[in-house]
Amino acid sequence: MKRVLTAEWLDTDAGTPAEVAASLSDLRDINRRFGGIATTEGLIARVVRELNTRSLSLLEVAAGAGDVSRTVGQRFKRRGIQLQVTLLDRALSHLNHGNGQEPENGTPAVVGDALALPFREESFDVVSCNLFSHHLLPEEVVQFVDEGLRVSRTAVLINDLVRHPLHLTLIYAAMPLFQSRITRHDAVASLRRAYTVEEMRGLLQQTTAARVEIERHYLYRMGALAWK
């Protein structure tokens, strides 16, 4: 299945505030039901074991309102591990779900460019992203990971879709679950833009990472770690 670049409507806020909010709500459900939260949780757990730590600072890029990191943080808190999260997104409307409210629990939130992160070197233990890397061209994936490695002390975490014909079939089957027309369009566009595990491995090997780990997860998710 060839990679096809199709514009995603949420990228350009191509909808009313209510439609954008509904699409972001759909994304929250997708991450909860179809392995997004579990994949990020597994990646962070891998870093926690590597560092043997009870506290971890994390920059979540293309974070939206931070639903994934917030849920993962709550799960780690029950294990006695503190996850200190900062959110970054290109659009304020994504950070606040378009409702004019700040992200919950006073989580620090920054509007910024993922390819030129507005932070000093080694500002965070890890940099993480969920359903973001497929938005990037191959050379931009390399640029983003190198930027993430610059501002992290340990690793860059990538949680994203795996492009596969059967995955596309599953997305069409899930269409009745989506509230927003934006989601119905973007779900297909995202899958067509997504990388295979082999493609992602090849891109990460072009970065400054000291080593790379990639695993397949539930329902055609991949979890990648680029270690500093």
Protein backbone atom coordinates (compact mmCIF):
# COMPACT_ATOMS: atom_id res chain seq x y z
CA MET A 1 0.00 0.00 0.00
CA LYS A 2 1.65 3.19 -1.23
CA ARG A 3 1.93 6.25 1.00
CA VAL A 4 -0.41 8.98 -0.26
CA LEU A 5 -0.27 12.60 0.91
CA THR A 6 -3.82 13.80 1.51
CA ALA A 7 -4.51 17.01 3.42
CA GLU A 8 -6.14 16.54 6.82
CA TRP A 9 -8.92 19.00 7.61
CA LEU A 10 -8.04 19.32 11.31
CA ASP A 11 -4.59 20.57 10.31
CA THR A 12 -6.16 23.64 8.77
CA ASP A 13 -9.12 24.00 11.16
CA ALA A 14 -11.40 23.36 8.17
CA GLY A 15 -14.61 23.34 10.14
CA THR A 16 -16.65 25.21 12.70
CA PRO A 17 -15.41 25.40 16.31
CA ALA A 18 -18.03 22.80 17.21
CA GLU A 19 -16.83 20.44 14.46
CA VAL A 20 -13.21 20.86 15.53
CA ALA A 21 -14.15 20.17 19.15
CA ALA A 22 -16.12 17.07 18.09
CA SER A 23 -13.17 15.81 16.06
CA LEU A 24 -10.80 16.27 18.99
CA SER A 25 -13.30 14.36 21.13
CA ASP A 26 -13.25 11.58 18.51
CA LEU A 27 -9.45 11.49 18.75
CA ARG A 28 -9.72 11.08 22.50
CA ASP A 29 -12.02 8.09 22.02
CA ILE A 30 -9.77 6.61 19.31
CA ASN A 31 -6.77 6.76 21.63
CA ARG A 32 -8.74 5.21 24.47
CA ARG A 33 -10.35 2.41 22.47
CA PHE A 34 -7.73 1.56 19.88
CA GLY A 35 -4.39 1.46 21.63
CA GLY A 36 -3.15 5.05 21.60
CA ILE A 37 -3.02 5.51 25.37
CA ALA A 38 -1.67 2.00 25.94
CA THR A 39 1.14 2.54 23.41
CA THR A 40 2.30 5.80 25.02
CA GLU A 41 2.05 4.21 28.47
CA GLY A 42 4.25 1.33 27.32
CA LEU A 43 6.86 3.66 25.81
CA ILE A 44 7.08 5.79 28.95
CA ALA A 45 7.27 2.67 31.12
CA ARG A 46 10.25 1.56 29.05
CA VAL A 47 12.01 4.87 29.79
CA VAL A 48 11.11 4.69 33.48
CA ARG A 49 12.69 1.23 33.69
CA GLU A 50 15.77 2.39 31.80
CA LEU A 51 16.30 5.37 34.12
CA ASN A 52 15.08 3.58 37.27
CA THR A 53 13.27 6.77 38.28
CA ARG A 54 10.07 7.77 40.10
CA SER A 55 9.74 11.12 38.33
CA LEU A 56 9.86 12.04 34.65
CA SER A 57 9.42 15.35 32.81
CA LEU A 58 7.75 15.05 29.41
CA LEU A 59 7.07 17.41 26.53
CA GLU A 60 4.09 16.22 24.49
CA VAL A 61 4.23 17.65 20.97
CA ALA A 62 1.06 18.15 18.89
CA ALA A 63 -0.66 17.52 22.18
CA GLY A 64 -4.13 18.91 21.69
CA ALA A 65 -5.59 19.31 25.17
CA GLY A 66 -3.23 16.62 26.47
CA ASP A 67 -5.75 13.83 26.95
CA VAL A 68 -3.23 11.06 26.29
CA SER A 69 -0.51 12.35 28.59
CA ARG A 70 -3.03 13.24 31.30
CA THR A 71 -4.52 9.73 31.31
CA VAL A 72 -1.08 8.11 31.25
CA GLY A 73 0.05 10.42 34.06
CA GLN A 74 -2.91 9.34 36.20
CA ARG A 75 -2.04 5.69 35.64
CA PHE A 76 1.60 6.21 36.60
CA LYS A 77 0.59 8.22 39.66
CA ARG A 78 -1.21 5.15 40.97
CA ARG A 79 2.15 3.34 40.73
CA GLY A 80 3.89 6.10 42.67
CA ILE A 81 5.54 7.64 39.57
CA GLN A 82 5.19 11.36 38.88
CA LEU A 83 4.84 12.47 35.26
CA GLN A 84 5.47 16.20 34.84
CA VAL A 85 3.89 17.15 31.50
CA THR A 86 4.23 20.21 29.27
CA LEU A 87 1.97 20.44 26.22
CA LEU A 88 2.92 21.95 22.86
CA ASP A 89 0.70 22.43 19.84
CA ARG A 90 0.76 24.68 16.79
CA ALA A 91 -2.77 25.98 17.52
CA LEU A 92 -4.27 27.41 20.69
CA SER A 93 -7.66 26.08 19.57
CA HIS A 94 -6.25 22.55 19.82
CA LEU A 95 -4.73 23.08 23.26
CA ASN A 96 -8.05 24.22 24.67
CA HIS A 97 -10.35 22.04 22.52
CA GLY A 98 -11.73 25.20 20.97
CA ASN A 99 -13.77 26.08 24.07
CA GLY A 100 -11.69 28.95 25.41
CA GLN A 101 -10.55 26.99 28.47
CA GLU A 102 -6.99 26.21 29.55
CA PRO A 103 -5.87 22.55 29.60
CA GLU A 104 -6.98 20.78 32.77
CA ASN A 105 -5.06 20.63 36.05
CA GLY A 106 -2.93 23.68 35.26
CA THR A 107 -0.73 21.73 32.85
CA PRO A 108 1.79 24.10 31.19
CA ALA A 109 0.84 24.64 27.56
CA VAL A 110 2.85 26.32 24.79
CA VAL A 111 1.99 27.25 21.21
CA GLY A 112 5.00 26.44 19.04
CA ASP A 113 6.57 24.76 16.04
CA ALA A 114 7.43 21.07 16.37
CA LEU A 115 10.31 21.51 13.91
CA ALA A 116 11.83 24.36 15.92
CA LEU A 117 10.96 23.60 19.53
CA PRO A 118 11.03 26.77 21.67
CA PHE A 119 13.08 25.24 24.49
CA ARG A 120 16.70 25.05 25.51
CA GLU A 121 18.79 21.92 25.22
CA GLU A 122 17.92 19.11 27.63
CA SER A 123 14.86 20.88 29.04
CA PHE A 124 12.90 17.63 29.48
CA ASP A 125 13.63 13.99 30.21
CA VAL A 126 11.65 12.87 27.15
CA VAL A 127 9.79 14.32 24.17
CA SER A 128 6.71 12.42 23.06
CA CYS A 129 4.14 12.60 20.26
CA ASN A 130 0.98 10.70 19.40
CA LEU A 131 -0.57 10.55 15.92
CA PHE A 132 1.77 13.28 14.74
CA SER A 133 4.68 11.84 12.76
CA HIS A 134 2.46 10.80 9.84
CA HIS A 135 1.75 14.50 9.26
CA LEU A 136 5.42 15.02 8.41
CA LEU A 137 7.39 14.45 5.23
CA PRO A 138 10.30 12.00 5.63
CA GLU A 139 12.89 14.78 5.97
CA GLU A 140 10.64 16.50 8.52
CA VAL A 141 10.45 13.34 10.63
CA VAL A 142 14.25 13.38 10.83
CA GLN A 143 14.23 17.10 11.67
CA PHE A 144 11.57 16.68 14.36
CA VAL A 145 13.35 13.79 16.05
CA ASP A 146 16.66 15.66 16.04
CA GLU A 147 14.89 18.67 17.59
CA GLY A 148 13.33 16.38 20.18
CA LEU A 149 16.69 14.85 20.99
CA ARG A 150 18.12 18.35 21.38
CA VAL A 151 15.59 19.39 24.04
CA SER A 152 15.41 15.99 25.77
CA ARG A 153 17.84 14.34 28.13
CA THR A 154 16.92 10.74 27.33
CA ALA A 155 14.73 9.92 24.34
CA VAL A 156 12.07 10.84 21.79
CA LEU A 157 8.90 8.71 21.82
CA ILE A 158 6.77 8.25 18.69
CA ASN A 159 3.31 6.68 18.85
CA ASP A 160 1.59 6.45 15.48
CA LEU A 161 -0.39 4.40 13.01
CA VAL A 162 1.02 1.62 10.84
CA ARG A 163 0.00 1.87 7.18
CA HIS A 164 -1.59 -1.39 6.05
CA PRO A 165 -4.55 -2.33 3.79
CA LEU A 166 -6.33 -4.22 6.58
CA HIS A 167 -5.95 -1.19 8.86
CA LEU A 168 -7.77 0.89 6.21
CA THR A 169 -10.59 -1.65 6.20
CA LEU A 170 -10.89 -1.38 9.98
CA ILE A 171 -11.08 2.42 9.76
CA TYR A 172 -13.99 2.24 7.31
CA ALA A 173 -15.73 -0.22 9.63
CA ALA A 174 -15.33 2.24 12.54
CA MET A 175 -16.88 5.22 10.68
CA PRO A 176 -20.24 5.02 12.54
CA LEU A 177 -18.38 5.66 15.80
CA PHE A 178 -17.12 9.10 14.72
CA GLN A 179 -19.07 12.22 15.67
CA SER A 180 -17.44 14.63 13.23
CA ARG A 181 -17.20 14.76 9.44
CA ILE A 182 -13.64 16.01 10.02
CA THR A 183 -12.75 12.73 11.71
CA ARG A 184 -14.37 10.65 8.97
CA HIS A 185 -12.18 12.40 6.41
CA ASP A 186 -9.01 12.63 8.48
CA ALA A 187 -9.04 9.03 9.70
CA VAL A 188 -8.60 7.79 6.13
CA ALA A 189 -6.16 10.56 5.23
CA SER A 190 -4.05 9.80 8.32
CA LEU A 191 -3.79 6.12 7.51
CA ARG A 192 -2.80 6.80 3.90
CA ARG A 193 -0.09 9.21 5.12
CA ALA A 194 1.21 6.88 7.84
CA TYR A 195 4.57 5.12 7.69
CA THR A 196 5.28 1.42 7.92
CA VAL A 197 7.51 0.17 10.73
CA GLU A 198 10.31 -0.42 8.24
CA GLU A 199 10.01 3.11 6.82
CA MET A 200 10.04 4.65 10.29
CA ARG A 201 13.07 2.62 11.30
CA GLY A 202 14.93 3.85 8.24
CA LEU A 203 14.08 7.47 9.03
CA LEU A 204 15.10 7.21 12.68
CA GLN A 205 18.42 5.70 11.65
CA GLN A 206 19.11 8.97 9.81
CA THR A 207 18.77 11.01 13.02
CA THR A 208 21.33 11.67 15.73
CA ALA A 209 19.81 8.97 17.95
CA ALA A 210 22.32 6.66 19.62
CA ARG A 211 19.97 3.72 19.17
CA VAL A 212 16.46 3.04 17.92
CA GLU A 213 13.75 0.66 19.15
CA ILE A 214 10.42 0.08 17.38
CA GLU A 215 7.60 -2.26 18.38
CA ARG A 216 4.19 -3.05 16.93
CA HIS A 217 1.27 -2.49 19.27
CA TYR A 218 -2.46 -3.18 19.40
CA LEU A 219 -4.51 -2.51 16.25
CA TYR A 220 -1.76 -1.35 13.90
CA ARG A 221 0.00 1.06 16.22
CA MET A 222 3.75 1.46 16.35
CA GLY A 223 5.78 2.62 19.33
CA ALA A 224 9.25 3.98 18.53
CA LEU A 225 12.02 5.11 20.87
CA ALA A 226 14.93 7.20 19.63
CA TRP A 227 17.45 7.18 22.47
CA LYS A 228 19.83 10.06 22.97
